[in-house]
Amino acid sequence: MRMTLSAVFVVAVSLAGISSAHAATAGQITHLSGTLSAKKPDGSSKLLSVKSDVLEGDTLSTESETYARVKFNDGGEVVLRPGTQLKIESYAYNAAKPESDNVVLSMFKGGLRAVTGLIGKRNREKVTFATETATIGIRGTNFGALLCQNDCGGVQTTSGAPPANGLHVDVTTGAVSMSNKAGTLDINPGQFGFAANSNTAPVPVPPQQGVSVTMPSSISKDKAGGRGIGKGDDSECKM
């Protein structure tokens, strides 16, 4: 059964007391352009670089013009765009013990593109991406998510106007579901979804009006490992 948004924050509170010294390694930074920091459960912060470990309980923050790519232990990957905050609420993976799988990632602001790994293939109900607006459940997928909170003025759209405040989701392969207390929307390849807030049900968006999250090629393309994800133009600095 997919974890609800309220349950996600219960998990977050329960993890707050875990010290970084005992936190499990969830993955590693494989690509980075700019400044990336990790805030630990004890309140301390650390600057990260390529090959830095990402730990369960870390809150990753990208600064202005910073893109970062994280490869998780199960082969899943996430690319963060500038001005993003993503917390690794929970990450449990043991190749020999599928029953222990558990991934909960909370995005507080910004945007990302994600490709799910082995956990998403063998236990898709054990992978949850959460925001204050809606949770995203996956079914083996490549998807993008952008959370606008009066901070998407630089994001280009076909209309020329900034994206509306709320959660924008697009799917390249596989499928996702957007869920909040007002409803659930299934999104398939080539489709887009939007939820204005947690009290408004997610709705489909016509492709010509959808917001697609893409990343610069320097971050999205592979260099000795990982898969291409959300590739854009080399000169691209915006979605």
C-alpha atoms as a PDB file:
ATOM      1  CA  MET A   1       0.000   0.000   0.000  1.00  0.00           C
ATOM      2  CA  ARG A   2       1.457   3.389  -0.971  1.00  0.00           C
ATOM      3  CA  MET A   3       2.608   5.586   1.894  1.00  0.00           C
ATOM      4  CA  THR A   4       0.479   8.699   2.456  1.00  0.00           C
ATOM      5  CA  LEU A   5       1.935  12.174   2.798  1.00  0.00           C
ATOM      6  CA  SER A   6       1.133  12.285   6.528  1.00  0.00           C
ATOM      7  CA  ALA A   7       2.889   8.958   7.008  1.00  0.00           C
ATOM      8  CA  VAL A   8       5.939  10.313   5.216  1.00  0.00           C
ATOM      9  CA  PHE A   9       6.278  13.124   7.711  1.00  0.00           C
ATOM     10  CA  VAL A  10       5.854  10.683  10.603  1.00  0.00           C
ATOM     11  CA  VAL A  11       8.801   8.803   9.160  1.00  0.00           C
ATOM     12  CA  ALA A  12      10.719  12.079   8.902  1.00  0.00           C
ATOM     13  CA  VAL A  13      10.176  12.871  12.575  1.00  0.00           C
ATOM     14  CA  SER A  14      11.196   9.394  13.657  1.00  0.00           C
ATOM     15  CA  LEU A  15      14.408   9.662  11.651  1.00  0.00           C
ATOM     16  CA  ALA A  16      15.336  13.072  13.022  1.00  0.00           C
ATOM     17  CA  GLY A  17      17.134  11.572  15.972  1.00  0.00           C
ATOM     18  CA  ILE A  18      19.434   9.350  13.930  1.00  0.00           C
ATOM     19  CA  SER A  19      23.016  10.620  13.984  1.00  0.00           C
ATOM     20  CA  SER A  20      24.858  10.897  10.694  1.00  0.00           C
ATOM     21  CA  ALA A  21      27.590   8.666  12.117  1.00  0.00           C
ATOM     22  CA  HIS A  22      25.147   5.736  12.154  1.00  0.00           C
ATOM     23  CA  ALA A  23      23.187   6.608   9.022  1.00  0.00           C
ATOM     24  CA  ALA A  24      23.326   4.131   6.148  1.00  0.00           C
ATOM     25  CA  THR A  25      24.911   5.088   2.844  1.00  0.00           C
ATOM     26  CA  ALA A  26      22.168   5.495   0.237  1.00  0.00           C
ATOM     27  CA  GLY A  27      24.213   6.482  -2.801  1.00  0.00           C
ATOM     28  CA  GLN A  28      26.908   8.702  -4.259  1.00  0.00           C
ATOM     29  CA  ILE A  29      27.246  11.972  -6.174  1.00  0.00           C
ATOM     30  CA  THR A  30      28.283  11.130  -9.747  1.00  0.00           C
ATOM     31  CA  HIS A  31      27.923  14.506 -11.498  1.00  0.00           C
ATOM     32  CA  LEU A  32      28.015  18.035 -10.086  1.00  0.00           C
ATOM     33  CA  SER A  33      28.160  21.571 -11.454  1.00  0.00           C
ATOM     34  CA  GLY A  34      28.126  24.174  -8.690  1.00  0.00           C
ATOM     35  CA  THR A  35      27.581  24.017  -4.945  1.00  0.00           C
ATOM     36  CA  LEU A  36      25.795  21.118  -3.264  1.00  0.00           C
ATOM     37  CA  SER A  37      25.386  20.713   0.498  1.00  0.00           C
ATOM     38  CA  ALA A  38      23.958  18.048   2.786  1.00  0.00           C
ATOM     39  CA  LYS A  39      22.271  18.963   6.057  1.00  0.00           C
ATOM     40  CA  LYS A  40      22.533  16.187   8.629  1.00  0.00           C
ATOM     41  CA  PRO A  41      19.841  15.128  11.128  1.00  0.00           C
ATOM     42  CA  ASP A  42      21.890  16.731  13.921  1.00  0.00           C
ATOM     43  CA  GLY A  43      21.705  20.117  12.166  1.00  0.00           C
ATOM     44  CA  SER A  44      25.276  20.188  10.861  1.00  0.00           C
ATOM     45  CA  SER A  45      25.981  20.769   7.159  1.00  0.00           C
ATOM     46  CA  LYS A  46      28.624  19.492   4.779  1.00  0.00           C
ATOM     47  CA  LEU A  47      29.625  20.498   1.256  1.00  0.00           C
ATOM     48  CA  LEU A  48      29.584  17.593  -1.180  1.00  0.00           C
ATOM     49  CA  SER A  49      31.625  16.870  -4.295  1.00  0.00           C
ATOM     50  CA  VAL A  50      31.729  14.183  -6.974  1.00  0.00           C
ATOM     51  CA  LYS A  51      32.147  10.751  -5.294  1.00  0.00           C
ATOM     52  CA  SER A  52      30.766  12.055  -1.970  1.00  0.00           C
ATOM     53  CA  ASP A  53      28.467   9.591  -0.228  1.00  0.00           C
ATOM     54  CA  VAL A  54      24.811  10.468   0.313  1.00  0.00           C
ATOM     55  CA  LEU A  55      23.426   9.150   3.604  1.00  0.00           C
ATOM     56  CA  GLU A  56      19.977   8.265   4.841  1.00  0.00           C
ATOM     57  CA  GLY A  57      18.675  11.347   6.662  1.00  0.00           C
ATOM     58  CA  ASP A  58      20.599  13.845   4.496  1.00  0.00           C
ATOM     59  CA  THR A  59      18.797  16.887   3.091  1.00  0.00           C
ATOM     60  CA  LEU A  60      20.489  17.795  -0.198  1.00  0.00           C
ATOM     61  CA  SER A  61      20.406  21.433  -1.319  1.00  0.00           C
ATOM     62  CA  THR A  62      21.555  22.796  -4.671  1.00  0.00           C
ATOM     63  CA  GLU A  63      22.511  26.457  -4.947  1.00  0.00           C
ATOM     64  CA  SER A  64      21.751  28.816  -7.823  1.00  0.00           C
ATOM     65  CA  GLU A  65      22.885  27.378 -11.198  1.00  0.00           C
ATOM     66  CA  THR A  66      23.817  24.063  -9.550  1.00  0.00           C
ATOM     67  CA  TYR A  67      22.838  20.687 -10.983  1.00  0.00           C
ATOM     68  CA  ALA A  68      23.656  17.441  -9.171  1.00  0.00           C
ATOM     69  CA  ARG A  69      23.193  13.784 -10.044  1.00  0.00           C
ATOM     70  CA  VAL A  70      22.876  11.085  -7.372  1.00  0.00           C
ATOM     71  CA  LYS A  71      23.203   7.355  -8.074  1.00  0.00           C
ATOM     72  CA  PHE A  72      21.604   5.167  -5.417  1.00  0.00           C
ATOM     73  CA  ASN A  73      22.813   1.749  -4.326  1.00  0.00           C
ATOM     74  CA  ASP A  74      20.050  -0.060  -6.235  1.00  0.00           C
ATOM     75  CA  GLY A  75      20.935   1.707  -9.507  1.00  0.00           C
ATOM     76  CA  GLY A  76      18.216   4.352  -9.250  1.00  0.00           C
ATOM     77  CA  GLU A  77      19.213   7.922 -10.082  1.00  0.00           C
ATOM     78  CA  VAL A  78      18.003  11.446  -9.360  1.00  0.00           C
ATOM     79  CA  VAL A  79      19.141  14.688 -10.995  1.00  0.00           C
ATOM     80  CA  LEU A  80      18.465  17.864  -9.008  1.00  0.00           C
ATOM     81  CA  ARG A  81      17.969  21.248 -10.652  1.00  0.00           C
ATOM     82  CA  PRO A  82      19.063  24.589  -9.098  1.00  0.00           C
ATOM     83  CA  GLY A  83      17.324  25.691  -5.911  1.00  0.00           C
ATOM     84  CA  THR A  84      16.209  22.191  -4.934  1.00  0.00           C
ATOM     85  CA  GLN A  85      15.944  20.652  -1.463  1.00  0.00           C
ATOM     86  CA  LEU A  86      15.544  16.873  -1.305  1.00  0.00           C
ATOM     87  CA  LYS A  87      15.623  14.787   1.875  1.00  0.00           C
ATOM     88  CA  ILE A  88      16.500  11.107   1.968  1.00  0.00           C
ATOM     89  CA  GLU A  89      13.870  10.262   4.553  1.00  0.00           C
ATOM     90  CA  SER A  90      14.413   6.528   4.302  1.00  0.00           C
ATOM     91  CA  TYR A  91      16.606   4.288   2.158  1.00  0.00           C
ATOM     92  CA  ALA A  92      16.924   0.535   2.684  1.00  0.00           C
ATOM     93  CA  TYR A  93      18.277  -1.832   0.034  1.00  0.00           C
ATOM     94  CA  ASN A  94      19.735  -5.321   0.247  1.00  0.00           C
ATOM     95  CA  ALA A  95      19.995  -7.205  -3.039  1.00  0.00           C
ATOM     96  CA  ALA A  96      19.346 -10.500  -1.249  1.00  0.00           C
ATOM     97  CA  LYS A  97      16.422  -9.244   0.868  1.00  0.00           C
ATOM     98  CA  PRO A  98      13.670  -7.641  -1.247  1.00  0.00           C
ATOM     99  CA  GLU A  99      11.374  -7.619   1.779  1.00  0.00           C
ATOM    100  CA  SER A 100      13.568  -4.922   3.389  1.00  0.00           C
ATOM    101  CA  ASP A 101      13.272  -2.478   0.459  1.00  0.00           C
ATOM    102  CA  ASN A 102      12.137   1.043   1.363  1.00  0.00           C
ATOM    103  CA  VAL A 103      12.699   4.409  -0.305  1.00  0.00           C
ATOM    104  CA  VAL A 104      11.078   7.662   0.806  1.00  0.00           C
ATOM    105  CA  LEU A 105      12.354  10.924  -0.705  1.00  0.00           C
ATOM    106  CA  SER A 106      10.816  14.294   0.194  1.00  0.00           C
ATOM    107  CA  MET A 107      11.225  17.303  -2.112  1.00  0.00           C
ATOM    108  CA  PHE A 108      10.632  20.549  -0.220  1.00  0.00           C
ATOM    109  CA  LYS A 109      11.357  22.875  -3.156  1.00  0.00           C
ATOM    110  CA  GLY A 110      12.767  22.894  -6.675  1.00  0.00           C
ATOM    111  CA  GLY A 111      12.712  20.142  -9.257  1.00  0.00           C
ATOM    112  CA  LEU A 112      14.208  16.811 -10.211  1.00  0.00           C
ATOM    113  CA  ARG A 113      14.285  14.058 -12.775  1.00  0.00           C
ATOM    114  CA  ALA A 114      14.393  10.458 -11.566  1.00  0.00           C
ATOM    115  CA  VAL A 115      14.995   7.001 -12.973  1.00  0.00           C
ATOM    116  CA  THR A 116      14.036   4.204 -10.607  1.00  0.00           C
ATOM    117  CA  GLY A 117      16.378   1.314  -9.861  1.00  0.00           C
ATOM    118  CA  LEU A 118      15.982  -2.293  -8.791  1.00  0.00           C
ATOM    119  CA  ILE A 119      13.749  -1.421  -5.832  1.00  0.00           C
ATOM    120  CA  GLY A 120      11.289   0.274  -8.170  1.00  0.00           C
ATOM    121  CA  LYS A 121      11.278  -2.785 -10.431  1.00  0.00           C
ATOM    122  CA  ARG A 122      10.802  -5.470  -7.789  1.00  0.00           C
ATOM    123  CA  ASN A 123       8.898  -3.521  -5.104  1.00  0.00           C
ATOM    124  CA  ARG A 124       7.376  -0.482  -6.781  1.00  0.00           C
ATOM    125  CA  GLU A 125       5.051   0.134  -3.824  1.00  0.00           C
ATOM    126  CA  LYS A 126       8.151   0.631  -1.650  1.00  0.00           C
ATOM    127  CA  VAL A 127       9.274   3.795  -3.523  1.00  0.00           C
ATOM    128  CA  THR A 128       7.659   7.134  -2.677  1.00  0.00           C
ATOM    129  CA  PHE A 129       8.497  10.700  -3.697  1.00  0.00           C
ATOM    130  CA  ALA A 130       6.707  13.201  -1.454  1.00  0.00           C
ATOM    131  CA  THR A 131       5.969  16.926  -1.609  1.00  0.00           C
ATOM    132  CA  GLU A 132       3.626  19.144   0.398  1.00  0.00           C
ATOM    133  CA  THR A 133       1.234  19.113  -2.570  1.00  0.00           C
ATOM    134  CA  ALA A 134       1.090  15.417  -3.503  1.00  0.00           C
ATOM    135  CA  THR A 135       2.983  12.140  -3.290  1.00  0.00           C
ATOM    136  CA  ILE A 136       4.311  10.365  -6.365  1.00  0.00           C
ATOM    137  CA  GLY A 137       4.162   6.590  -6.554  1.00  0.00           C
ATOM    138  CA  ILE A 138       6.074   4.820  -9.305  1.00  0.00           C
ATOM    139  CA  ARG A 139       5.729   1.803 -11.555  1.00  0.00           C
ATOM    140  CA  GLY A 140       9.250   1.433 -12.951  1.00  0.00           C
ATOM    141  CA  THR A 141       9.758   4.796 -14.550  1.00  0.00           C
ATOM    142  CA  ASN A 142      11.624   7.883 -15.750  1.00  0.00           C
ATOM    143  CA  PHE A 143       9.801  11.026 -14.624  1.00  0.00           C
ATOM    144  CA  GLY A 144      10.274  14.687 -13.816  1.00  0.00           C
ATOM    145  CA  ALA A 145       8.784  16.758 -10.991  1.00  0.00           C
ATOM    146  CA  LEU A 146       8.794  20.522 -10.485  1.00  0.00           C
ATOM    147  CA  LEU A 147       7.387  22.181  -7.357  1.00  0.00           C
ATOM    148  CA  CYS A 148       6.630  25.849  -7.996  1.00  0.00           C
ATOM    149  CA  GLN A 149       6.261  28.147  -4.965  1.00  0.00           C
ATOM    150  CA  ASN A 150       6.546  31.641  -6.494  1.00  0.00           C
ATOM    151  CA  ASP A 151      10.050  30.620  -7.600  1.00  0.00           C
ATOM    152  CA  CYS A 152       9.611  29.325 -11.171  1.00  0.00           C
ATOM    153  CA  GLY A 153       9.910  32.651 -12.988  1.00  0.00           C
ATOM    154  CA  GLY A 154      12.948  31.425 -14.927  1.00  0.00           C
ATOM    155  CA  VAL A 155      11.304  28.237 -16.157  1.00  0.00           C
ATOM    156  CA  GLN A 156      10.374  28.411 -19.821  1.00  0.00           C
ATOM    157  CA  THR A 157       6.940  27.332 -21.030  1.00  0.00           C
ATOM    158  CA  THR A 158       5.212  27.317 -24.418  1.00  0.00           C
ATOM    159  CA  SER A 159       2.964  30.190 -23.315  1.00  0.00           C
ATOM    160  CA  GLY A 160       5.860  32.335 -22.150  1.00  0.00           C
ATOM    161  CA  ALA A 161       4.313  32.694 -18.689  1.00  0.00           C
ATOM    162  CA  PRO A 162       5.872  31.040 -15.621  1.00  0.00           C
ATOM    163  CA  PRO A 163       4.369  27.697 -14.568  1.00  0.00           C
ATOM    164  CA  ALA A 164       1.549  27.957 -12.052  1.00  0.00           C
ATOM    165  CA  ASN A 165       2.311  27.349  -8.396  1.00  0.00           C
ATOM    166  CA  GLY A 166       1.922  23.678  -7.526  1.00  0.00           C
ATOM    167  CA  LEU A 167       3.437  20.333  -8.499  1.00  0.00           C
ATOM    168  CA  HIS A 168       4.103  19.629 -12.185  1.00  0.00           C
ATOM    169  CA  VAL A 169       4.901  16.046 -13.253  1.00  0.00           C
ATOM    170  CA  ASP A 170       5.880  14.535 -16.614  1.00  0.00           C
ATOM    171  CA  VAL A 171       6.574  10.905 -17.525  1.00  0.00           C
ATOM    172  CA  THR A 172       8.977   9.592 -20.171  1.00  0.00           C
ATOM    173  CA  THR A 173       8.766   5.840 -19.551  1.00  0.00           C
ATOM    174  CA  GLY A 174       6.798   3.652 -17.155  1.00  0.00           C
ATOM    175  CA  ALA A 175       4.071   5.403 -15.186  1.00  0.00           C
ATOM    176  CA  VAL A 176       3.456   7.306 -11.962  1.00  0.00           C
ATOM    177  CA  SER A 177       0.492   8.176  -9.794  1.00  0.00           C
ATOM    178  CA  MET A 178       0.017  11.599  -8.199  1.00  0.00           C
ATOM    179  CA  SER A 179      -1.974  11.354  -4.968  1.00  0.00           C
ATOM    180  CA  ASN A 180      -3.213  13.709  -2.269  1.00  0.00           C
ATOM    181  CA  LYS A 181      -6.226  13.785   0.014  1.00  0.00           C
ATOM    182  CA  ALA A 182      -8.388  15.135  -2.820  1.00  0.00           C
ATOM    183  CA  GLY A 183      -7.682  12.399  -5.357  1.00  0.00           C
ATOM    184  CA  THR A 184      -5.288  10.334  -7.472  1.00  0.00           C
ATOM    185  CA  LEU A 185      -4.149  10.708 -11.075  1.00  0.00           C
ATOM    186  CA  ASP A 186      -2.293   8.053 -13.107  1.00  0.00           C
ATOM    187  CA  ILE A 187       0.203   9.468 -15.613  1.00  0.00           C
ATOM    188  CA  ASN A 188       1.570   7.388 -18.504  1.00  0.00           C
ATOM    189  CA  PRO A 189       4.455   7.984 -20.964  1.00  0.00           C
ATOM    190  CA  GLY A 190       4.153  11.280 -22.795  1.00  0.00           C
ATOM    191  CA  GLN A 191       1.563  12.584 -20.357  1.00  0.00           C
ATOM    192  CA  PHE A 192       1.616  15.425 -17.824  1.00  0.00           C
ATOM    193  CA  GLY A 193      -0.079  16.083 -14.504  1.00  0.00           C
ATOM    194  CA  PHE A 194      -0.531  19.024 -12.149  1.00  0.00           C
ATOM    195  CA  ALA A 195      -1.728  19.509  -8.571  1.00  0.00           C
ATOM    196  CA  ALA A 196      -2.218  23.081  -7.356  1.00  0.00           C
ATOM    197  CA  ASN A 197      -2.173  22.184  -3.653  1.00  0.00           C
ATOM    198  CA  SER A 198      -2.854  19.325  -1.249  1.00  0.00           C
ATOM    199  CA  ASN A 199      -6.580  20.133  -1.165  1.00  0.00           C
ATOM    200  CA  THR A 200      -7.016  20.056  -4.949  1.00  0.00           C
ATOM    201  CA  ALA A 201      -7.053  16.784  -6.872  1.00  0.00           C
ATOM    202  CA  PRO A 202      -4.288  16.262  -9.465  1.00  0.00           C
ATOM    203  CA  VAL A 203      -5.451  16.830 -13.045  1.00  0.00           C
ATOM    204  CA  PRO A 204      -4.086  15.876 -16.478  1.00  0.00           C
ATOM    205  CA  VAL A 205      -2.450  18.595 -18.555  1.00  0.00           C
ATOM    206  CA  PRO A 206      -2.504  18.688 -22.384  1.00  0.00           C
ATOM    207  CA  PRO A 207       0.970  17.879 -23.800  1.00  0.00           C
ATOM    208  CA  GLN A 208       1.245  21.283 -25.454  1.00  0.00           C
ATOM    209  CA  GLN A 209       0.829  22.910 -22.035  1.00  0.00           C
ATOM    210  CA  GLY A 210       2.848  20.444 -19.971  1.00  0.00           C
ATOM    211  CA  VAL A 211       6.057  21.315 -18.127  1.00  0.00           C
ATOM    212  CA  SER A 212       8.851  18.855 -18.921  1.00  0.00           C
ATOM    213  CA  VAL A 213      11.900  18.720 -16.643  1.00  0.00           C
ATOM    214  CA  THR A 214      15.121  18.482 -18.677  1.00  0.00           C
ATOM    215  CA  MET A 215      18.744  18.785 -17.604  1.00  0.00           C
ATOM    216  CA  PRO A 216      22.010  19.970 -19.205  1.00  0.00           C
ATOM    217  CA  SER A 217      23.849  17.243 -21.125  1.00  0.00           C
ATOM    218  CA  SER A 218      26.907  17.710 -18.903  1.00  0.00           C
ATOM    219  CA  ILE A 219      24.837  16.335 -16.018  1.00  0.00           C
ATOM    220  CA  SER A 220      22.363  14.059 -17.785  1.00  0.00           C
ATOM    221  CA  LYS A 221      24.737  12.107 -20.020  1.00  0.00           C
ATOM    222  CA  ASP A 222      26.723   9.145 -18.750  1.00  0.00           C
ATOM    223  CA  LYS A 223      30.378   9.214 -17.842  1.00  0.00           C
ATOM    224  CA  ALA A 224      31.568   5.777 -16.760  1.00  0.00           C
ATOM    225  CA  GLY A 225      28.288   4.603 -15.335  1.00  0.00           C
ATOM    226  CA  GLY A 226      24.598   5.280 -14.923  1.00  0.00           C
ATOM    227  CA  ARG A 227      21.936   5.932 -17.545  1.00  0.00           C
ATOM    228  CA  GLY A 228      21.103   9.027 -19.532  1.00  0.00           C
ATOM    229  CA  ILE A 229      18.371  10.962 -17.767  1.00  0.00           C
ATOM    230  CA  GLY A 230      16.465  14.060 -18.853  1.00  0.00           C
ATOM    231  CA  LYS A 231      18.974  15.106 -21.491  1.00  0.00           C
ATOM    232  CA  GLY A 232      18.794  18.662 -22.771  1.00  0.00           C
ATOM    233  CA  ASP A 233      21.120  20.914 -24.758  1.00  0.00           C
ATOM    234  CA  ASP A 234      24.710  21.485 -23.629  1.00  0.00           C
ATOM    235  CA  SER A 235      24.007  25.181 -23.228  1.00  0.00           C
ATOM    236  CA  GLU A 236      20.802  24.592 -21.323  1.00  0.00           C
ATOM    237  CA  CYS A 237      20.539  26.169 -17.887  1.00  0.00           C
ATOM    238  CA  LYS A 238      16.779  26.109 -17.511  1.00  0.00           C
ATOM    239  CA  MET A 239      13.961  23.644 -17.922  1.00  0.00           C
END
